[in-house]
Amino acid sequence: MYIRFVVAEIDEDSGREMGIFTAGGILHEDGELYDYEIRHRKEILSWFSSNLNVPDVQASESNYYSKPGAISWFKSSATIHISKMREYVQILESHDVAVKQLVTERPGNVVYEDDFQVAAIPFKDTFL
């Protein structure tokens, strides 16, 4: 089982619903977050930076190995990571940004995997 948190806006790179880290970054850049939310967001991002690899396939557009359209999904066993994501969801929802939790057995063609996540190029029928 794989889990992903998204908002309704479509991400230009993947063509799918935008992940919440990107959505939170937009709120921050637009100056919508309160000081305490900026601090909390920074703490959560710092935690993820220390506890989750950025898949090589997504690290940057200039990365030779990047796979445009690959999106990340948490493994259902990554309970601490998922809990931290739910903390992040609270920041978005406090600004009336609706967040959906997607659950699937078929995230797509897996191009990266570690203990906590996979990055996959979605199948055509994956959450259209």
C-alpha atoms as a PDB file:
ATOM      1  CA  MET A   1       0.000   0.000   0.000  1.00  0.00           C
ATOM      2  CA  TYR A   2       1.305   3.457  -0.930  1.00  0.00           C
ATOM      3  CA  ILE A   3       0.173   6.851   0.346  1.00  0.00           C
ATOM      4  CA  ARG A   4       0.474  10.341  -1.116  1.00  0.00           C
ATOM      5  CA  PHE A   5      -0.848  13.700   0.063  1.00  0.00           C
ATOM      6  CA  VAL A   6      -1.988  16.122  -2.652  1.00  0.00           C
ATOM      7  CA  VAL A   7      -3.915  19.308  -3.348  1.00  0.00           C
ATOM      8  CA  ALA A   8      -6.241  19.924  -6.288  1.00  0.00           C
ATOM      9  CA  GLU A   9      -3.795  22.071  -8.283  1.00  0.00           C
ATOM     10  CA  ILE A  10      -2.025  20.245 -11.113  1.00  0.00           C
ATOM     11  CA  ASP A  11       1.764  20.080 -10.967  1.00  0.00           C
ATOM     12  CA  GLU A  12       3.395  21.166 -14.230  1.00  0.00           C
ATOM     13  CA  ASP A  13       6.163  18.544 -14.074  1.00  0.00           C
ATOM     14  CA  SER A  14       4.100  15.451 -13.300  1.00  0.00           C
ATOM     15  CA  GLY A  15       0.760  16.474 -14.803  1.00  0.00           C
ATOM     16  CA  ARG A  16      -0.865  15.116 -11.622  1.00  0.00           C
ATOM     17  CA  GLU A  17      -2.221  16.675  -8.456  1.00  0.00           C
ATOM     18  CA  MET A  18       0.434  18.718  -6.674  1.00  0.00           C
ATOM     19  CA  GLY A  19       2.188  17.340  -3.612  1.00  0.00           C
ATOM     20  CA  ILE A  20       1.814  19.200  -0.349  1.00  0.00           C
ATOM     21  CA  PHE A  21       5.457  20.274  -0.007  1.00  0.00           C
ATOM     22  CA  THR A  22       5.126  22.210  -3.260  1.00  0.00           C
ATOM     23  CA  ALA A  23       1.769  23.645  -2.188  1.00  0.00           C
ATOM     24  CA  GLY A  24       3.221  24.724   1.170  1.00  0.00           C
ATOM     25  CA  GLY A  25       6.148  26.349  -0.600  1.00  0.00           C
ATOM     26  CA  ILE A  26       3.731  28.410  -2.670  1.00  0.00           C
ATOM     27  CA  LEU A  27       1.895  29.565   0.462  1.00  0.00           C
ATOM     28  CA  HIS A  28       5.220  30.548   2.011  1.00  0.00           C
ATOM     29  CA  GLU A  29       6.432  32.391  -1.101  1.00  0.00           C
ATOM     30  CA  ASP A  30       3.125  34.251  -1.340  1.00  0.00           C
ATOM     31  CA  GLY A  31       3.535  35.471   2.266  1.00  0.00           C
ATOM     32  CA  GLU A  32       0.403  33.658   3.443  1.00  0.00           C
ATOM     33  CA  LEU A  33       1.931  31.878   6.447  1.00  0.00           C
ATOM     34  CA  TYR A  34       2.047  33.243   9.994  1.00  0.00           C
ATOM     35  CA  ASP A  35       5.417  33.374  11.758  1.00  0.00           C
ATOM     36  CA  TYR A  36       4.657  30.324  13.903  1.00  0.00           C
ATOM     37  CA  GLU A  37       3.637  28.374  10.768  1.00  0.00           C
ATOM     38  CA  ILE A  38       6.860  29.377   9.026  1.00  0.00           C
ATOM     39  CA  ARG A  39       8.809  28.008  12.008  1.00  0.00           C
ATOM     40  CA  HIS A  40       6.749  24.810  12.165  1.00  0.00           C
ATOM     41  CA  ARG A  41       7.069  24.275   8.400  1.00  0.00           C
ATOM     42  CA  LYS A  42      10.836  24.769   8.652  1.00  0.00           C
ATOM     43  CA  GLU A  43      11.039  22.225  11.507  1.00  0.00           C
ATOM     44  CA  ILE A  44       9.074  19.648   9.507  1.00  0.00           C
ATOM     45  CA  LEU A  45      11.134  20.210   6.351  1.00  0.00           C
ATOM     46  CA  SER A  46      14.321  19.937   8.389  1.00  0.00           C
ATOM     47  CA  TRP A  47      13.107  16.654   9.873  1.00  0.00           C
ATOM     48  CA  PHE A  48      12.397  15.279   6.382  1.00  0.00           C
ATOM     49  CA  SER A  49      15.774  16.502   5.152  1.00  0.00           C
ATOM     50  CA  SER A  50      17.425  14.421   7.893  1.00  0.00           C
ATOM     51  CA  ASN A  51      15.123  11.401   7.654  1.00  0.00           C
ATOM     52  CA  LEU A  52      14.189  10.930   4.002  1.00  0.00           C
ATOM     53  CA  ASN A  53      16.291  10.727   0.861  1.00  0.00           C
ATOM     54  CA  VAL A  54      15.413  12.833  -2.155  1.00  0.00           C
ATOM     55  CA  PRO A  55      15.228  10.245  -4.931  1.00  0.00           C
ATOM     56  CA  ASP A  56      17.959  10.760  -7.547  1.00  0.00           C
ATOM     57  CA  VAL A  57      15.266  10.536 -10.197  1.00  0.00           C
ATOM     58  CA  GLN A  58      13.699  13.726  -8.822  1.00  0.00           C
ATOM     59  CA  ALA A  59      16.639  15.650  -7.398  1.00  0.00           C
ATOM     60  CA  SER A  60      16.747  18.246 -10.182  1.00  0.00           C
ATOM     61  CA  GLU A  61      15.884  18.851 -13.796  1.00  0.00           C
ATOM     62  CA  SER A  62      19.610  19.061 -14.578  1.00  0.00           C
ATOM     63  CA  ASN A  63      20.159  15.570 -13.146  1.00  0.00           C
ATOM     64  CA  TYR A  64      20.944  13.205 -16.024  1.00  0.00           C
ATOM     65  CA  TYR A  65      19.048  10.415 -14.248  1.00  0.00           C
ATOM     66  CA  SER A  66      15.927  12.430 -13.466  1.00  0.00           C
ATOM     67  CA  LYS A  67      12.653  11.004 -14.686  1.00  0.00           C
ATOM     68  CA  PRO A  68      10.198  13.784 -15.569  1.00  0.00           C
ATOM     69  CA  GLY A  69       6.799  12.921 -14.200  1.00  0.00           C
ATOM     70  CA  ALA A  70       8.018  10.653 -11.391  1.00  0.00           C
ATOM     71  CA  ILE A  71       6.096  11.264  -8.182  1.00  0.00           C
ATOM     72  CA  SER A  72       6.785  10.036  -4.652  1.00  0.00           C
ATOM     73  CA  TRP A  73       4.595   7.784  -2.535  1.00  0.00           C
ATOM     74  CA  PHE A  74       5.157   6.729   1.060  1.00  0.00           C
ATOM     75  CA  LYS A  75       5.070   3.078   1.914  1.00  0.00           C
ATOM     76  CA  SER A  76       2.295   2.428   4.433  1.00  0.00           C
ATOM     77  CA  SER A  77       4.953   1.130   6.837  1.00  0.00           C
ATOM     78  CA  ALA A  78       6.560   4.619   7.014  1.00  0.00           C
ATOM     79  CA  THR A  79       4.283   5.576   9.896  1.00  0.00           C
ATOM     80  CA  ILE A  80       6.490   8.298  11.408  1.00  0.00           C
ATOM     81  CA  HIS A  81       6.933   9.958   8.008  1.00  0.00           C
ATOM     82  CA  ILE A  82       3.192   9.827   7.371  1.00  0.00           C
ATOM     83  CA  SER A  83       2.548  11.335  10.810  1.00  0.00           C
ATOM     84  CA  LYS A  84       4.910  14.224   9.977  1.00  0.00           C
ATOM     85  CA  MET A  85       3.059  14.727   6.688  1.00  0.00           C
ATOM     86  CA  ARG A  86      -0.196  15.031   8.615  1.00  0.00           C
ATOM     87  CA  GLU A  87       1.405  17.807  10.683  1.00  0.00           C
ATOM     88  CA  TYR A  88       2.240  19.567   7.426  1.00  0.00           C
ATOM     89  CA  VAL A  89      -1.338  19.040   6.198  1.00  0.00           C
ATOM     90  CA  GLN A  90      -2.592  21.015   9.207  1.00  0.00           C
ATOM     91  CA  ILE A  91      -0.660  24.079   8.044  1.00  0.00           C
ATOM     92  CA  LEU A  92      -2.259  23.920   4.600  1.00  0.00           C
ATOM     93  CA  GLU A  93      -5.753  23.230   5.879  1.00  0.00           C
ATOM     94  CA  SER A  94      -5.549  26.214   8.249  1.00  0.00           C
ATOM     95  CA  HIS A  95      -5.347  28.311   5.065  1.00  0.00           C
ATOM     96  CA  ASP A  96      -8.355  26.578   3.465  1.00  0.00           C
ATOM     97  CA  VAL A  97      -6.190  24.448   1.174  1.00  0.00           C
ATOM     98  CA  ALA A  98      -7.979  21.138   0.779  1.00  0.00           C
ATOM     99  CA  VAL A  99      -5.670  18.136   1.039  1.00  0.00           C
ATOM    100  CA  LYS A 100      -6.493  14.638  -0.157  1.00  0.00           C
ATOM    101  CA  GLN A 101      -4.792  11.456   0.971  1.00  0.00           C
ATOM    102  CA  LEU A 102      -4.417   9.070  -1.954  1.00  0.00           C
ATOM    103  CA  VAL A 103      -3.961   5.353  -1.322  1.00  0.00           C
ATOM    104  CA  THR A 104      -3.041   2.834  -3.999  1.00  0.00           C
ATOM    105  CA  GLU A 105      -1.517  -0.560  -4.576  1.00  0.00           C
ATOM    106  CA  ARG A 106      -0.337   0.601  -8.048  1.00  0.00           C
ATOM    107  CA  PRO A 107       1.659   3.849  -7.903  1.00  0.00           C
ATOM    108  CA  GLY A 108       3.031   3.327 -11.412  1.00  0.00           C
ATOM    109  CA  ASN A 109       6.344   2.268 -12.906  1.00  0.00           C
ATOM    110  CA  VAL A 110       8.698   2.391  -9.906  1.00  0.00           C
ATOM    111  CA  VAL A 111      11.981   4.145 -10.764  1.00  0.00           C
ATOM    112  CA  TYR A 112      13.272   4.519  -7.185  1.00  0.00           C
ATOM    113  CA  GLU A 113      12.670   2.704  -3.893  1.00  0.00           C
ATOM    114  CA  ASP A 114      14.024   2.880  -0.355  1.00  0.00           C
ATOM    115  CA  ASP A 115      12.758   1.775   3.064  1.00  0.00           C
ATOM    116  CA  PHE A 116      10.153   4.560   3.295  1.00  0.00           C
ATOM    117  CA  GLN A 117       9.079   5.533  -0.208  1.00  0.00           C
ATOM    118  CA  VAL A 118       8.924   4.854  -3.914  1.00  0.00           C
ATOM    119  CA  ALA A 119       9.096   7.259  -6.823  1.00  0.00           C
ATOM    120  CA  ALA A 120       7.045   6.117  -9.766  1.00  0.00           C
ATOM    121  CA  ILE A 121       5.939   7.308 -13.159  1.00  0.00           C
ATOM    122  CA  PRO A 122       2.158   6.974 -12.865  1.00  0.00           C
ATOM    123  CA  PHE A 123       0.215   4.595 -15.049  1.00  0.00           C
ATOM    124  CA  LYS A 124      -2.260   6.348 -17.340  1.00  0.00           C
ATOM    125  CA  ASP A 125      -5.127   5.279 -15.085  1.00  0.00           C
ATOM    126  CA  THR A 126      -3.418   6.202 -11.776  1.00  0.00           C
ATOM    127  CA  PHE A 127      -5.716   8.781 -10.143  1.00  0.00           C
ATOM    128  CA  LEU A 128      -6.877  10.620 -13.227  1.00  0.00           C
END
